[in-house]
PDB file of all heavy atoms in Angstrom:
ATOM      1  N   GLU A   1       0.825  -1.208   0.000  1.00  0.00           N
ATOM      2  CA  GLU A   1       0.000   0.000   0.000  1.00  0.00           C
ATOM      3  C   GLU A   1       0.860   1.261   0.000  1.00  0.00           C
ATOM      4  O   GLU A   1       0.432   2.317  -0.470  1.00  0.00           O
ATOM      5  CB  GLU A   1      -0.928   0.004   1.209  1.00  0.00           C
ATOM      6  CG  GLU A   1      -1.961  -1.105   1.208  1.00  0.00           C
ATOM      7  CD  GLU A   1      -2.778  -1.119   2.497  1.00  0.00           C
ATOM      8  OE1 GLU A   1      -3.615  -0.218   2.645  1.00  0.00           O
ATOM      9  OE2 GLU A   1      -2.556  -2.019   3.333  1.00  0.00           O
ATOM     10  N   LEU A   2       2.077   1.167   0.559  1.00  0.00           N
ATOM     11  CA  LEU A   2       2.980   2.311   0.616  1.00  0.00           C
ATOM     12  C   LEU A   2       3.921   2.375  -0.576  1.00  0.00           C
ATOM     13  O   LEU A   2       4.604   3.377  -0.785  1.00  0.00           O
ATOM     14  CB  LEU A   2       3.814   2.263   1.901  1.00  0.00           C
ATOM     15  CG  LEU A   2       3.018   2.330   3.205  1.00  0.00           C
ATOM     16  CD1 LEU A   2       3.952   2.161   4.390  1.00  0.00           C
ATOM     17  CD2 LEU A   2       2.264   3.642   3.306  1.00  0.00           C
ATOM     18  N   VAL A   3       3.976   1.285  -1.341  1.00  0.00           N
ATOM     19  CA  VAL A   3       4.840   1.243  -2.541  1.00  0.00           C
ATOM     20  C   VAL A   3       3.954   0.881  -3.729  1.00  0.00           C
ATOM     21  O   VAL A   3       4.022  -0.233  -4.261  1.00  0.00           O
ATOM     22  CB  VAL A   3       5.979   0.210  -2.371  1.00  0.00           C
ATOM     23  CG1 VAL A   3       7.018   0.391  -3.479  1.00  0.00           C
ATOM     24  CG2 VAL A   3       6.639   0.343  -1.012  1.00  0.00           C
ATOM     25  N   PRO A   4       3.122   1.824  -4.173  1.00  0.00           N
ATOM     26  CA  PRO A   4       2.131   1.487  -5.200  1.00  0.00           C
ATOM     27  C   PRO A   4       2.725   1.369  -6.607  1.00  0.00           C
ATOM     28  O   PRO A   4       2.066   0.852  -7.500  1.00  0.00           O
ATOM     29  CB  PRO A   4       1.160   2.664  -5.125  1.00  0.00           C
ATOM     30  CG  PRO A   4       1.988   3.808  -4.628  1.00  0.00           C
ATOM     31  CD  PRO A   4       2.994   3.204  -3.701  1.00  0.00           C
ATOM     32  N   ARG A   5       3.962   1.848  -6.781  1.00  0.00           N
ATOM     33  CA  ARG A   5       4.545   1.850  -8.123  1.00  0.00           C
ATOM     34  C   ARG A   5       5.907   1.169  -8.106  1.00  0.00           C
ATOM     35  O   ARG A   5       6.660   1.281  -7.153  1.00  0.00           O
ATOM     36  CB  ARG A   5       4.701   3.284  -8.651  1.00  0.00           C
ATOM     37  CG  ARG A   5       3.376   4.035  -8.713  1.00  0.00           C
ATOM     38  CD  ARG A   5       3.575   5.466  -9.198  1.00  0.00           C
ATOM     39  NE  ARG A   5       2.315   6.185  -9.205  1.00  0.00           N
ATOM     40  CZ  ARG A   5       1.845   6.904  -8.201  1.00  0.00           C
ATOM     41  NH1 ARG A   5       2.555   6.998  -7.078  1.00  0.00           N
ATOM     42  NH2 ARG A   5       0.693   7.526  -8.287  1.00  0.00           N
ATOM     43  N   ASN A   6       6.212   0.477  -9.190  1.00  0.00           N
ATOM     44  CA  ASN A   6       7.516  -0.172  -9.340  1.00  0.00           C
ATOM     45  C   ASN A   6       8.116   0.241 -10.684  1.00  0.00           C
ATOM     46  O   ASN A   6       7.489   0.967 -11.466  1.00  0.00           O
ATOM     47  CB  ASN A   6       7.361  -1.685  -9.227  1.00  0.00           C
ATOM     48  CG  ASN A   6       6.388  -2.237 -10.263  1.00  0.00           C
ATOM     49  OD1 ASN A   6       6.158  -1.630 -11.311  1.00  0.00           O
ATOM     50  ND2 ASN A   6       5.806  -3.401  -9.979  1.00  0.00           N
ATOM     51  N   PRO A   7       9.349  -0.179 -10.961  1.00  0.00           N
ATOM     52  CA  PRO A   7       9.963   0.220 -12.228  1.00  0.00           C
ATOM     53  C   PRO A   7       9.138  -0.150 -13.454  1.00  0.00           C
ATOM     54  O   PRO A   7       9.117   0.607 -14.446  1.00  0.00           O
ATOM     55  CB  PRO A   7      11.300  -0.525 -12.205  1.00  0.00           C
ATOM     56  CG  PRO A   7      11.642  -0.627 -10.752  1.00  0.00           C
ATOM     57  CD  PRO A   7      10.331  -0.858 -10.072  1.00  0.00           C
ATOM     58  N   ALA A   8       8.442  -1.278 -13.395  1.00  0.00           N
ATOM     59  CA  ALA A   8       7.625  -1.683 -14.547  1.00  0.00           C
ATOM     60  C   ALA A   8       6.507  -0.678 -14.803  1.00  0.00           C
ATOM     61  O   ALA A   8       6.165  -0.381 -15.960  1.00  0.00           O
ATOM     62  CB  ALA A   8       7.041  -3.075 -14.303  1.00  0.00           C
ATOM     63  N   PHE A   9       5.934  -0.124 -13.728  1.00  0.00           N
ATOM     64  CA  PHE A   9       4.889   0.895 -13.880  1.00  0.00           C
ATOM     65  C   PHE A   9       5.441   2.116 -14.603  1.00  0.00           C
ATOM     66  O   PHE A   9       4.807   2.653 -15.522  1.00  0.00           O
ATOM     67  CB  PHE A   9       4.347   1.288 -12.501  1.00  0.00           C
ATOM     68  CG  PHE A   9       3.470   2.515 -12.518  1.00  0.00           C
ATOM     69  CD1 PHE A   9       2.113   2.404 -12.770  1.00  0.00           C
ATOM     70  CD2 PHE A   9       4.008   3.782 -12.282  1.00  0.00           C
ATOM     71  CE1 PHE A   9       1.305   3.534 -12.790  1.00  0.00           C
ATOM     72  CE2 PHE A   9       3.216   4.910 -12.303  1.00  0.00           C
ATOM     73  CZ  PHE A   9       1.859   4.787 -12.560  1.00  0.00           C
ATOM     74  N   PHE A  10       6.616   2.588 -14.178  1.00  0.00           N
ATOM     75  CA  PHE A  10       7.179   3.792 -14.798  1.00  0.00           C
ATOM     76  C   PHE A  10       7.580   3.538 -16.252  1.00  0.00           C
ATOM     77  O   PHE A  10       7.477   4.422 -17.095  1.00  0.00           O
ATOM     78  CB  PHE A  10       8.372   4.304 -13.986  1.00  0.00           C
ATOM     79  CG  PHE A  10       7.970   5.190 -12.851  1.00  0.00           C
ATOM     80  CD1 PHE A  10       7.655   4.659 -11.614  1.00  0.00           C
ATOM     81  CD2 PHE A  10       7.868   6.555 -13.025  1.00  0.00           C
ATOM     82  CE1 PHE A  10       7.255   5.461 -10.565  1.00  0.00           C
ATOM     83  CE2 PHE A  10       7.480   7.383 -11.983  1.00  0.00           C
ATOM     84  CZ  PHE A  10       7.166   6.831 -10.746  1.00  0.00           C
ATOM     85  N   LYS A  11       8.026   2.343 -16.528  1.00  0.00           N
ATOM     86  CA  LYS A  11       8.374   2.019 -17.913  1.00  0.00           C
ATOM     87  C   LYS A  11       7.123   1.994 -18.781  1.00  0.00           C
ATOM     88  O   LYS A  11       7.109   2.530 -19.908  1.00  0.00           O
ATOM     89  CB  LYS A  11       9.083   0.659 -17.964  1.00  0.00           C
ATOM     90  CG  LYS A  11       9.544   0.258 -19.370  1.00  0.00           C
ATOM     91  CD  LYS A  11      10.590   1.230 -19.917  1.00  0.00           C
ATOM     92  CE  LYS A  11      11.132   0.778 -21.267  1.00  0.00           C
ATOM     93  NZ  LYS A  11      12.089   1.747 -21.846  1.00  0.00           N
ATOM     94  N   SER A  12       6.064   1.412 -18.251  1.00  0.00           N
ATOM     95  CA  SER A  12       4.825   1.284 -19.018  1.00  0.00           C
ATOM     96  C   SER A  12       4.140   2.630 -19.213  1.00  0.00           C
ATOM     97  O   SER A  12       3.714   2.969 -20.323  1.00  0.00           O
ATOM     98  CB  SER A  12       3.880   0.319 -18.313  1.00  0.00           C
ATOM     99  OG  SER A  12       2.619   0.303 -18.928  1.00  0.00           O
ATOM    100  N   LYS A  13       4.045   3.418 -18.138  1.00  0.00           N
ATOM    101  CA  LYS A  13       3.275   4.657 -18.223  1.00  0.00           C
ATOM    102  C   LYS A  13       4.082   5.827 -18.765  1.00  0.00           C
ATOM    103  O   LYS A  13       3.570   6.656 -19.516  1.00  0.00           O
ATOM    104  CB  LYS A  13       2.721   5.025 -16.845  1.00  0.00           C
ATOM    105  CG  LYS A  13       1.854   6.272 -16.874  1.00  0.00           C
ATOM    106  CD  LYS A  13       1.022   6.431 -15.624  1.00  0.00           C
ATOM    107  CE  LYS A  13       0.101   7.640 -15.761  1.00  0.00           C
ATOM    108  NZ  LYS A  13      -0.812   7.773 -14.605  1.00  0.00           N
ATOM    109  N   TYR A  14       5.359   5.912 -18.390  1.00  0.00           N
ATOM    110  CA  TYR A  14       6.168   7.081 -18.741  1.00  0.00           C
ATOM    111  C   TYR A  14       7.339   6.783 -19.662  1.00  0.00           C
ATOM    112  O   TYR A  14       8.058   7.700 -20.059  1.00  0.00           O
ATOM    113  CB  TYR A  14       6.703   7.737 -17.466  1.00  0.00           C
ATOM    114  CG  TYR A  14       5.638   8.292 -16.565  1.00  0.00           C
ATOM    115  CD1 TYR A  14       5.354   7.701 -15.336  1.00  0.00           C
ATOM    116  CD2 TYR A  14       4.914   9.427 -16.926  1.00  0.00           C
ATOM    117  CE1 TYR A  14       4.376   8.206 -14.491  1.00  0.00           C
ATOM    118  CE2 TYR A  14       3.934   9.949 -16.091  1.00  0.00           C
ATOM    119  CZ  TYR A  14       3.665   9.329 -14.881  1.00  0.00           C
ATOM    120  OH  TYR A  14       2.698   9.845 -14.053  1.00  0.00           O
ATOM    121  N   ASN A  15       7.559   5.504 -19.973  1.00  0.00           N
ATOM    122  CA  ASN A  15       8.742   5.126 -20.751  1.00  0.00           C
ATOM    123  C   ASN A  15      10.016   5.640 -20.082  1.00  0.00           C
ATOM    124  O   ASN A  15      10.901   6.213 -20.710  1.00  0.00           O
ATOM    125  CB  ASN A  15       8.647   5.645 -22.191  1.00  0.00           C
ATOM    126  CG  ASN A  15       9.723   5.025 -23.077  1.00  0.00           C
ATOM    127  OD1 ASN A  15      10.247   3.949 -22.790  1.00  0.00           O
ATOM    128  ND2 ASN A  15      10.064   5.715 -24.156  1.00  0.00           N
ATOM    129  N   VAL A  16      10.086   5.435 -18.768  1.00  0.00           N
ATOM    130  CA  VAL A  16      11.255   5.812 -17.969  1.00  0.00           C
ATOM    131  C   VAL A  16      11.902   4.526 -17.458  1.00  0.00           C
ATOM    132  O   VAL A  16      11.223   3.651 -16.918  1.00  0.00           O
ATOM    133  CB  VAL A  16      10.850   6.708 -16.786  1.00  0.00           C
ATOM    134  CG1 VAL A  16      12.010   6.882 -15.818  1.00  0.00           C
ATOM    135  CG2 VAL A  16      10.365   8.060 -17.283  1.00  0.00           C
ATOM    136  N   ASP A  17      13.207   4.425 -17.625  1.00  0.00           N
ATOM    137  CA  ASP A  17      13.951   3.260 -17.134  1.00  0.00           C
ATOM    138  C   ASP A  17      14.454   3.534 -15.721  1.00  0.00           C
ATOM    139  O   ASP A  17      15.186   4.506 -15.494  1.00  0.00           O
ATOM    140  CB  ASP A  17      15.141   2.965 -18.047  1.00  0.00           C
ATOM    141  CG  ASP A  17      14.706   2.549 -19.442  1.00  0.00           C
ATOM    142  OD1 ASP A  17      13.883   1.624 -19.549  1.00  0.00           O
ATOM    143  OD2 ASP A  17      15.168   3.176 -20.420  1.00  0.00           O
ATOM    144  N   ILE A  18      14.050   2.685 -14.781  1.00  0.00           N
ATOM    145  CA  ILE A  18      14.526   2.812 -13.404  1.00  0.00           C
ATOM    146  C   ILE A  18      15.332   1.575 -13.049  1.00  0.00           C
ATOM    147  O   ILE A  18      14.838   0.449 -13.137  1.00  0.00           O
ATOM    148  CB  ILE A  18      13.358   2.983 -12.420  1.00  0.00           C
ATOM    149  CG1 ILE A  18      12.552   4.243 -12.746  1.00  0.00           C
ATOM    150  CG2 ILE A  18      13.878   3.057 -10.985  1.00  0.00           C
ATOM    151  CD1 ILE A  18      11.405   4.528 -11.793  1.00  0.00           C
ATOM    152  N   LEU A  19      16.571   1.786 -12.670  1.00  0.00           N
ATOM    153  CA  LEU A  19      17.452   0.695 -12.263  1.00  0.00           C
ATOM    154  C   LEU A  19      17.641   0.764 -10.750  1.00  0.00           C
ATOM    155  O   LEU A  19      18.327   1.658 -10.244  1.00  0.00           O
ATOM    156  CB  LEU A  19      18.802   0.781 -12.965  1.00  0.00           C
ATOM    157  CG  LEU A  19      18.829   0.361 -14.451  1.00  0.00           C
ATOM    158  CD1 LEU A  19      18.230   1.456 -15.334  1.00  0.00           C
ATOM    159  CD2 LEU A  19      20.261   0.077 -14.898  1.00  0.00           C
ATOM    160  N   THR A  20      17.006  -0.133 -10.019  1.00  0.00           N
ATOM    161  CA  THR A  20      17.151  -0.173  -8.571  1.00  0.00           C
ATOM    162  C   THR A  20      18.422  -0.935  -8.201  1.00  0.00           C
ATOM    163  O   THR A  20      19.041  -1.602  -9.021  1.00  0.00           O
ATOM    164  CB  THR A  20      15.931  -0.855  -7.920  1.00  0.00           C
ATOM    165  OG1 THR A  20      15.798  -2.169  -8.449  1.00  0.00           O
ATOM    166  CG2 THR A  20      14.660  -0.063  -8.192  1.00  0.00           C
ATOM    167  N   SER A  21      18.820  -0.803  -6.932  1.00  0.00           N
ATOM    168  CA  SER A  21      20.066  -1.418  -6.425  1.00  0.00           C
ATOM    169  C   SER A  21      21.261  -1.013  -7.281  1.00  0.00           C
ATOM    170  O   SER A  21      22.175  -1.795  -7.515  1.00  0.00           O
ATOM    171  CB  SER A  21      19.931  -2.951  -6.379  1.00  0.00           C
ATOM    172  OG  SER A  21      18.874  -3.331  -5.540  1.00  0.00           O
ATOM    173  N   HIS A  22      21.255   0.225  -7.725  1.00  0.00           N
ATOM    174  CA  HIS A  22      22.365   0.801  -8.499  1.00  0.00           C
ATOM    175  C   HIS A  22      22.803   2.095  -7.824  1.00  0.00           C
ATOM    176  O   HIS A  22      21.995   3.011  -7.655  1.00  0.00           O
ATOM    177  CB  HIS A  22      21.952   1.086  -9.935  1.00  0.00           C
ATOM    178  CG  HIS A  22      21.977  -0.125 -10.817  1.00  0.00           C
ATOM    179  ND1 HIS A  22      21.085  -1.165 -10.670  1.00  0.00           N
ATOM    180  CD2 HIS A  22      22.789  -0.453 -11.865  1.00  0.00           C
ATOM    181  CE1 HIS A  22      21.341  -2.084 -11.593  1.00  0.00           C
ATOM    182  NE2 HIS A  22      22.364  -1.684 -12.321  1.00  0.00           N
ATOM    183  N   GLN A  23      24.065   2.152  -7.457  1.00  0.00           N
ATOM    184  CA  GLN A  23      24.617   3.320  -6.782  1.00  0.00           C
ATOM    185  C   GLN A  23      25.510   4.124  -7.718  1.00  0.00           C
ATOM    186  O   GLN A  23      26.433   3.557  -8.329  1.00  0.00           O
ATOM    187  CB  GLN A  23      25.425   2.895  -5.553  1.00  0.00           C
ATOM    188  CG  GLN A  23      26.039   4.067  -4.790  1.00  0.00           C
ATOM    189  CD  GLN A  23      26.890   3.618  -3.622  1.00  0.00           C
ATOM    190  OE1 GLN A  23      27.111   2.410  -3.435  1.00  0.00           O
ATOM    191  NE2 GLN A  23      27.369   4.556  -2.829  1.00  0.00           N
ATOM    192  N   VAL A  24      25.245   5.413  -7.827  1.00  0.00           N
ATOM    193  CA  VAL A  24      26.128   6.286  -8.600  1.00  0.00           C
ATOM    194  C   VAL A  24      27.309   6.647  -7.713  1.00  0.00           C
ATOM    195  O   VAL A  24      27.134   7.225  -6.634  1.00  0.00           O
ATOM    196  CB  VAL A  24      25.390   7.547  -9.085  1.00  0.00           C
ATOM    197  CG1 VAL A  24      26.363   8.488  -9.803  1.00  0.00           C
ATOM    198  CG2 VAL A  24      24.242   7.170 -10.014  1.00  0.00           C
ATOM    199  N   LEU A  25      28.504   6.310  -8.163  1.00  0.00           N
ATOM    200  CA  LEU A  25      29.713   6.496  -7.363  1.00  0.00           C
ATOM    201  C   LEU A  25      30.368   7.844  -7.585  1.00  0.00           C
ATOM    202  O   LEU A  25      30.893   8.456  -6.654  1.00  0.00           O
ATOM    203  CB  LEU A  25      30.722   5.386  -7.675  1.00  0.00           C
ATOM    204  CG  LEU A  25      30.248   3.950  -7.449  1.00  0.00           C
ATOM    205  CD1 LEU A  25      31.323   2.964  -7.923  1.00  0.00           C
ATOM    206  CD2 LEU A  25      29.912   3.709  -5.986  1.00  0.00           C
ATOM    207  N   ASN A  26      30.368   8.300  -8.842  1.00  0.00           N
ATOM    208  CA  ASN A  26      31.064   9.544  -9.184  1.00  0.00           C
ATOM    209  C   ASN A  26      30.356  10.253 -10.328  1.00  0.00           C
ATOM    210  O   ASN A  26      29.702   9.622 -11.166  1.00  0.00           O
ATOM    211  CB  ASN A  26      32.522   9.265  -9.599  1.00  0.00           C
ATOM    212  CG  ASN A  26      33.386   8.830  -8.428  1.00  0.00           C
ATOM    213  OD1 ASN A  26      33.635   9.604  -7.508  1.00  0.00           O
ATOM    214  ND2 ASN A  26      33.822   7.577  -8.453  1.00  0.00           N
ATOM    215  N   ILE A  27      30.508  11.566 -10.347  1.00  0.00           N
ATOM    216  CA  ILE A  27      30.003  12.397 -11.446  1.00  0.00           C
ATOM    217  C   ILE A  27      31.185  13.126 -12.066  1.00  0.00           C
ATOM    218  O   ILE A  27      31.945  13.805 -11.378  1.00  0.00           O
ATOM    219  CB  ILE A  27      28.976  13.432 -10.932  1.00  0.00           C
ATOM    220  CG1 ILE A  27      27.783  12.739 -10.281  1.00  0.00           C
ATOM    221  CG2 ILE A  27      28.514  14.351 -12.067  1.00  0.00           C
ATOM    222  CD1 ILE A  27      26.882  13.689  -9.505  1.00  0.00           C
ATOM    223  N   ASN A  28      31.354  12.979 -13.373  1.00  0.00           N
ATOM    224  CA  ASN A  28      32.369  13.718 -14.122  1.00  0.00           C
ATOM    225  C   ASN A  28      31.639  14.760 -14.966  1.00  0.00           C
ATOM    226  O   ASN A  28      31.138  14.462 -16.050  1.00  0.00           O
ATOM    227  CB  ASN A  28      33.177  12.766 -15.005  1.00  0.00           C
ATOM    228  CG  ASN A  28      34.306  13.468 -15.744  1.00  0.00           C
ATOM    229  OD1 ASN A  28      34.259  14.678 -15.989  1.00  0.00           O
ATOM    230  ND2 ASN A  28      35.334  12.709 -16.121  1.00  0.00           N
ATOM    231  N   SER A  29      31.553  15.979 -14.433  1.00  0.00           N
ATOM    232  CA  SER A  29      30.757  17.005 -15.109  1.00  0.00           C
ATOM    233  C   SER A  29      31.425  17.514 -16.380  1.00  0.00           C
ATOM    234  O   SER A  29      30.745  18.021 -17.278  1.00  0.00           O
ATOM    235  CB  SER A  29      30.499  18.175 -14.160  1.00  0.00           C
ATOM    236  OG  SER A  29      31.712  18.738 -13.704  1.00  0.00           O
ATOM    237  N   ASN A  30      32.737  17.386 -16.489  1.00  0.00           N
ATOM    238  CA  ASN A  30      33.424  17.841 -17.705  1.00  0.00           C
ATOM    239  C   ASN A  30      33.057  16.973 -18.895  1.00  0.00           C
ATOM    240  O   ASN A  30      32.791  17.478 -19.995  1.00  0.00           O
ATOM    241  CB  ASN A  30      34.945  17.820 -17.493  1.00  0.00           C
ATOM    242  CG  ASN A  30      35.400  18.849 -16.480  1.00  0.00           C
ATOM    243  OD1 ASN A  30      34.828  19.929 -16.392  1.00  0.00           O
ATOM    244  ND2 ASN A  30      36.425  18.513 -15.710  1.00  0.00           N
ATOM    245  N   ASP A  31      33.031  15.658 -18.684  1.00  0.00           N
ATOM    246  CA  ASP A  31      32.697  14.734 -19.767  1.00  0.00           C
ATOM    247  C   ASP A  31      31.221  14.359 -19.779  1.00  0.00           C
ATOM    248  O   ASP A  31      30.774  13.605 -20.652  1.00  0.00           O
ATOM    249  CB  ASP A  31      33.536  13.453 -19.637  1.00  0.00           C
ATOM    250  CG  ASP A  31      35.020  13.717 -19.787  1.00  0.00           C
ATOM    251  OD1 ASP A  31      35.382  14.712 -20.441  1.00  0.00           O
ATOM    252  OD2 ASP A  31      35.807  12.926 -19.228  1.00  0.00           O
ATOM    253  N   LYS A  32      30.472  14.843 -18.788  1.00  0.00           N
ATOM    254  CA  LYS A  32      29.054  14.505 -18.639  1.00  0.00           C
ATOM    255  C   LYS A  32      28.862  12.986 -18.562  1.00  0.00           C
ATOM    256  O   LYS A  32      28.081  12.389 -19.286  1.00  0.00           O
ATOM    257  CB  LYS A  32      28.218  15.119 -19.774  1.00  0.00           C
ATOM    258  CG  LYS A  32      28.067  16.627 -19.682  1.00  0.00           C
ATOM    259  CD  LYS A  32      26.968  17.139 -20.605  1.00  0.00           C
ATOM    260  CE  LYS A  32      26.674  18.598 -20.318  1.00  0.00           C
ATOM    261  NZ  LYS A  32      25.559  19.110 -21.133  1.00  0.00           N
TER     262      LYS A  32
END
């Protein structure tokens, strides 16, 4: 009831890819 949406919902409704259990370690803003 508190987690009504999952990655499949966002892919289906918004065509957005959500990768869970993925940690961004670093950002290189020069190379984007």
